């Protein structure tokens, strides 16, 4: 499993609506505050695209595969953000397997944590599961082409089912939830809400493959300093040289 904190992406997203703020008042920072600073900053207006993709799939022992993909992309021209849902429905080669007999206990507090929470619990044999989060930040001259594939997610859930189980994508509580009930083999869930991300898989049968993936992508407008600005910076650095060196 790979965990990447979402704090960086959250800070970048916060820059989107403040393009009108062109006046910055400098303030002096204490040495203790400077010692805790890490990374780089992004000026308002430089973020030209921000996207979120969440996908969850569950494949059972006979190859039935159920899942969904949820995507949303925000650009400078976006008036209202919109999630789009594409369901995954693949038929296997045999009858659905019998319900699992394993038992998983505990874990009641997993949905009450903050930040990124990932959990895999299995009470069966030959299962595989992964929870992954990735953040992609890159520069470009212009925003990528908007892609709007799938069913718009408004007030009602979007669901699908097959031999592997049922998947449901539900909006609400200031976030979104993608949940899979795998017909007696277990459950899986991704939830993005209240400033946190939860990814969980619980398997009570055997020979299941579960995958939860959340991807955040940010595109920054190319904003390289000019030659004149670089020369000015070099001149300033020359003044810091010790005499005689």
Protein backbone atom coordinates (compact mmCIF):
# COMPACT_ATOMS: atom_id res chain seq x y z
CA UNK A 1 0.00 0.00 0.00
CA UNK A 2 1.21 3.53 -0.75
CA UNK A 3 0.08 6.52 1.34
CA UNK A 4 0.69 10.06 0.13
CA UNK A 5 -0.70 12.88 2.31
CA UNK A 6 -3.38 15.00 0.67
CA UNK A 7 -2.25 18.22 2.37
CA UNK A 8 -0.28 19.39 -0.67
CA UNK A 9 -3.23 18.85 -3.03
CA UNK A 10 -5.60 20.57 -0.60
CA UNK A 11 -3.40 23.65 -0.46
CA UNK A 12 -3.17 23.80 -4.27
CA UNK A 13 -6.94 23.49 -4.71
CA UNK A 14 -7.43 26.39 -2.31
CA UNK A 15 -5.66 28.67 -4.81
CA UNK A 16 -8.35 28.24 -7.50
CA UNK A 17 -10.97 30.80 -6.35
CA UNK A 18 -8.57 33.56 -5.30
CA UNK A 19 -7.36 34.79 -8.66
CA UNK A 20 -8.78 38.24 -7.97
CA UNK A 21 -6.41 38.75 -5.04
CA UNK A 22 -3.45 40.53 -6.56
CA UNK A 23 -2.24 42.44 -3.51
CA UNK A 24 -0.12 40.55 -0.99
CA UNK A 25 0.93 42.08 2.31
CA UNK A 26 4.20 40.59 3.57
CA UNK A 27 4.46 39.54 7.20
CA UNK A 28 7.51 38.61 9.23
CA UNK A 29 7.83 34.99 10.34
CA UNK A 30 9.50 33.87 13.53
CA UNK A 31 12.52 31.58 13.37
CA UNK A 32 10.48 28.75 14.88
CA UNK A 33 7.91 29.06 12.07
CA UNK A 34 10.57 29.17 9.35
CA UNK A 35 12.16 26.02 10.75
CA UNK A 36 8.92 24.10 10.14
CA UNK A 37 8.36 25.21 6.53
CA UNK A 38 8.76 22.58 3.81
CA UNK A 39 8.31 22.38 0.03
CA UNK A 40 7.29 25.16 -2.35
CA UNK A 41 4.41 27.57 -2.75
CA UNK A 42 2.04 28.15 -5.68
CA UNK A 43 0.89 31.64 -6.62
CA UNK A 44 -2.86 32.23 -7.13
CA UNK A 45 -3.93 31.83 -10.74
CA UNK A 46 -1.18 29.38 -11.64
CA UNK A 47 -3.38 26.31 -11.12
CA UNK A 48 -5.18 25.83 -14.44
CA UNK A 49 -6.58 22.32 -13.91
CA UNK A 50 -7.38 20.04 -10.97
CA UNK A 51 -8.82 16.55 -11.30
CA UNK A 52 -9.92 13.67 -9.08
CA UNK A 53 -10.38 10.04 -10.17
CA UNK A 54 -11.56 7.29 -7.81
CA UNK A 55 -11.97 3.68 -8.89
CA UNK A 56 -12.84 0.46 -7.06
CA UNK A 57 -13.09 -3.06 -8.48
CA UNK A 58 -13.84 -6.50 -7.04
CA UNK A 59 -13.12 -9.69 -8.99
CA UNK A 60 -14.28 -12.99 -7.52
CA UNK A 61 -12.96 -16.55 -7.94
CA UNK A 62 -14.75 -17.20 -11.27
CA UNK A 63 -13.75 -13.89 -12.89
CA UNK A 64 -16.88 -11.81 -12.32
CA UNK A 65 -15.76 -8.21 -11.95
CA UNK A 66 -17.84 -5.34 -10.51
CA UNK A 67 -16.75 -1.78 -9.85
CA UNK A 68 -17.00 1.88 -10.75
CA UNK A 69 -14.91 4.87 -11.74
CA UNK A 70 -15.73 8.39 -10.53
CA UNK A 71 -14.06 11.45 -12.07
CA UNK A 72 -14.21 15.21 -11.72
CA UNK A 73 -12.12 17.93 -13.33
CA UNK A 74 -12.01 21.65 -12.50
CA UNK A 75 -10.53 24.33 -14.74
CA UNK A 76 -10.57 28.12 -14.87
CA UNK A 77 -13.72 28.05 -16.99
CA UNK A 78 -15.60 25.62 -14.73
CA UNK A 79 -18.77 27.12 -13.29
CA UNK A 80 -19.93 24.17 -11.17
CA UNK A 81 -17.87 21.04 -10.43
CA UNK A 82 -19.53 17.81 -11.59
CA UNK A 83 -18.72 14.17 -10.84
CA UNK A 84 -19.21 11.55 -13.56
CA UNK A 85 -19.62 7.82 -12.90
CA UNK A 86 -18.73 4.87 -15.14
CA UNK A 87 -19.67 1.42 -13.86
CA UNK A 88 -17.61 -1.72 -14.50
CA UNK A 89 -19.52 -4.94 -15.24
CA UNK A 90 -17.55 -7.97 -16.50
CA UNK A 91 -18.87 -11.52 -16.61
CA UNK A 92 -16.69 -14.45 -15.55
CA UNK A 93 -16.61 -18.06 -16.72
CA UNK A 94 -18.76 -19.87 -14.17
CA UNK A 95 -21.44 -19.74 -11.52
CA UNK A 96 -21.00 -17.33 -8.63
CA UNK A 97 -18.98 -18.88 -5.77
CA UNK A 98 -20.59 -19.77 -2.46
CA UNK A 99 -20.57 -17.16 0.28
CA UNK A 100 -17.43 -17.06 2.40
CA UNK A 101 -17.38 -18.40 5.94
CA UNK A 102 -14.63 -16.19 7.39
CA UNK A 103 -15.25 -13.67 10.16
CA UNK A 104 -13.68 -10.24 10.51
CA UNK A 105 -14.16 -8.39 13.80
CA UNK A 106 -13.33 -4.90 15.02
CA UNK A 107 -12.58 -1.83 12.91
CA UNK A 108 -15.57 0.21 14.08
CA UNK A 109 -13.45 3.36 14.40
CA UNK A 110 -11.93 3.34 10.92
CA UNK A 111 -14.57 5.70 9.53
CA UNK A 112 -13.94 8.24 12.29
CA UNK A 113 -10.32 9.02 11.47
CA UNK A 114 -8.94 12.10 9.70
CA UNK A 115 -6.55 12.42 6.78
CA UNK A 116 -5.83 9.29 4.73
CA UNK A 117 -7.01 5.99 6.22
CA UNK A 118 -6.34 2.64 4.51
CA UNK A 119 -7.41 -0.76 5.75
CA UNK A 120 -7.24 -4.32 4.40
CA UNK A 121 -8.72 -7.14 6.50
CA UNK A 122 -9.06 -10.70 5.24
CA UNK A 123 -10.47 -13.89 6.77
CA UNK A 124 -10.17 -16.08 3.65
CA UNK A 125 -7.50 -17.70 1.51
CA UNK A 126 -5.66 -16.55 -1.65
CA UNK A 127 -7.05 -13.01 -1.57
CA UNK A 128 -5.26 -9.93 -2.89
CA UNK A 129 -6.12 -6.31 -2.12
CA UNK A 130 -4.57 -2.89 -2.65
CA UNK A 131 -5.32 0.65 -1.51
CA UNK A 132 -3.41 3.30 -3.44
CA UNK A 133 -3.30 7.10 -3.52
CA UNK A 134 -1.31 9.07 -6.08
CA UNK A 135 -0.74 12.79 -6.69
CA UNK A 136 0.48 14.01 -10.08
CA UNK A 137 1.63 17.64 -10.39
CA UNK A 138 2.95 18.89 -13.74
CA UNK A 139 3.36 22.05 -15.79
CA UNK A 140 1.80 22.89 -19.15
CA UNK A 141 1.08 25.85 -21.41
CA UNK A 142 -2.67 25.17 -21.30
CA UNK A 143 -5.19 23.03 -19.46
CA UNK A 144 -5.92 19.53 -20.82
CA UNK A 145 -9.10 18.90 -22.79
CA UNK A 146 -12.09 18.35 -20.51
CA UNK A 147 -13.40 14.79 -20.60
CA UNK A 148 -16.95 14.14 -19.40
CA UNK A 149 -17.52 10.42 -19.66
CA UNK A 150 -20.18 8.51 -17.77
CA UNK A 151 -23.35 9.36 -15.87
CA UNK A 152 -23.53 12.71 -14.02
CA UNK A 153 -23.74 12.16 -10.28
CA UNK A 154 -26.44 14.43 -8.91
CA UNK A 155 -28.71 13.74 -5.95
CA UNK A 156 -29.36 10.05 -6.59
CA UNK A 157 -26.90 7.12 -6.29
CA UNK A 158 -25.56 5.36 -9.39
CA UNK A 159 -25.38 1.57 -9.05
CA UNK A 160 -24.77 -1.66 -10.97
CA UNK A 161 -24.67 -5.38 -10.15
CA UNK A 162 -23.57 -8.76 -11.53
CA UNK A 163 -22.38 -12.10 -10.21
CA UNK A 164 -19.56 -10.45 -8.26
CA UNK A 165 -21.88 -8.18 -6.29
CA UNK A 166 -23.28 -4.66 -6.29
CA UNK A 167 -21.48 -1.33 -6.59
CA UNK A 168 -23.04 1.97 -5.55
CA UNK A 169 -21.75 5.54 -5.87
CA UNK A 170 -23.49 7.93 -3.48
CA UNK A 171 -23.09 11.70 -2.97
CA UNK A 172 -23.79 13.35 0.35
CA UNK A 173 -22.39 14.91 3.52
CA UNK A 174 -20.11 17.15 1.51
CA UNK A 175 -18.39 14.23 -0.17
CA UNK A 176 -18.75 11.05 -2.17
CA UNK A 177 -18.72 7.32 -1.37
CA UNK A 178 -17.99 4.36 -3.64
CA UNK A 179 -19.05 1.05 -2.03
CA UNK A 180 -19.02 -2.60 -3.19
CA UNK A 181 -21.02 -5.43 -1.60
CA UNK A 182 -19.47 -8.62 -2.99
CA UNK A 183 -22.27 -11.20 -2.58
CA UNK A 184 -21.06 -12.81 0.63
CA UNK A 185 -17.35 -12.47 -0.25
CA UNK A 186 -16.88 -9.19 1.60
CA UNK A 187 -17.14 -5.42 1.15
CA UNK A 188 -14.97 -2.59 -0.16
CA UNK A 189 -15.31 1.16 0.11
CA UNK A 190 -13.73 4.47 -0.82
CA UNK A 191 -14.98 7.67 0.78
CA UNK A 192 -13.82 11.22 0.12
CA UNK A 193 -15.38 13.70 2.56
CA UNK A 194 -14.69 16.11 5.41
CA UNK A 195 -11.10 16.68 4.30
CA UNK A 196 -10.19 13.00 4.45
CA UNK A 197 -9.94 9.89 2.31
CA UNK A 198 -10.93 6.40 3.49
CA UNK A 199 -10.03 3.23 1.55
CA UNK A 200 -11.06 -0.13 2.98
CA UNK A 201 -11.37 -3.76 1.89
CA UNK A 202 -12.79 -6.58 3.98
CA UNK A 203 -12.76 -10.14 2.59
CA UNK A 204 -14.43 -13.18 4.16
CA UNK A 205 -14.23 -15.54 1.13
CA UNK A 206 -11.37 -16.82 -1.00
CA UNK A 207 -9.68 -16.03 -4.33
CA UNK A 208 -10.89 -12.44 -4.49
CA UNK A 209 -8.98 -9.50 -5.97
CA UNK A 210 -9.86 -6.01 -4.71
CA UNK A 211 -8.40 -2.70 -5.88
CA UNK A 212 -9.06 0.82 -4.56
CA UNK A 213 -7.34 3.73 -6.29
CA UNK A 214 -7.58 7.50 -5.80
CA UNK A 215 -5.70 9.83 -8.14
CA UNK A 216 -5.28 13.60 -7.80
CA UNK A 217 -3.87 15.53 -10.76
CA UNK A 218 -2.83 19.18 -10.81
CA UNK A 219 -1.66 21.16 -13.83
CA UNK A 220 0.30 24.37 -13.24
CA UNK A 221 0.72 26.99 -15.92
CA UNK A 222 4.29 27.41 -17.11
CA UNK A 223 5.59 30.44 -15.28
CA UNK A 224 9.34 30.43 -15.72
CA UNK A 225 11.23 33.62 -14.75
CA UNK A 226 12.51 35.80 -17.55
CA UNK A 227 16.20 36.28 -18.33
CA UNK A 228 16.10 39.75 -16.83
CA UNK A 229 14.64 38.46 -13.58
CA UNK A 230 17.32 35.78 -13.34
CA UNK A 231 20.08 38.36 -13.89
CA UNK A 232 18.60 40.52 -11.14
CA UNK A 233 18.62 37.59 -8.73
CA UNK A 234 22.24 36.76 -9.56
CA UNK A 235 23.26 40.38 -8.95
CA UNK A 236 21.67 40.23 -5.52
CA UNK A 237 23.53 37.03 -4.70
CA UNK A 238 26.86 38.61 -5.67
CA UNK A 239 26.41 41.10 -2.85
CA UNK A 240 26.41 38.25 -0.35
CA UNK A 241 29.92 37.09 -1.30
CA UNK A 242 32.64 37.57 1.31
CA UNK A 243 35.25 40.11 0.33
CA UNK A 244 38.32 38.55 -1.22
CA UNK A 245 36.60 35.35 -2.36
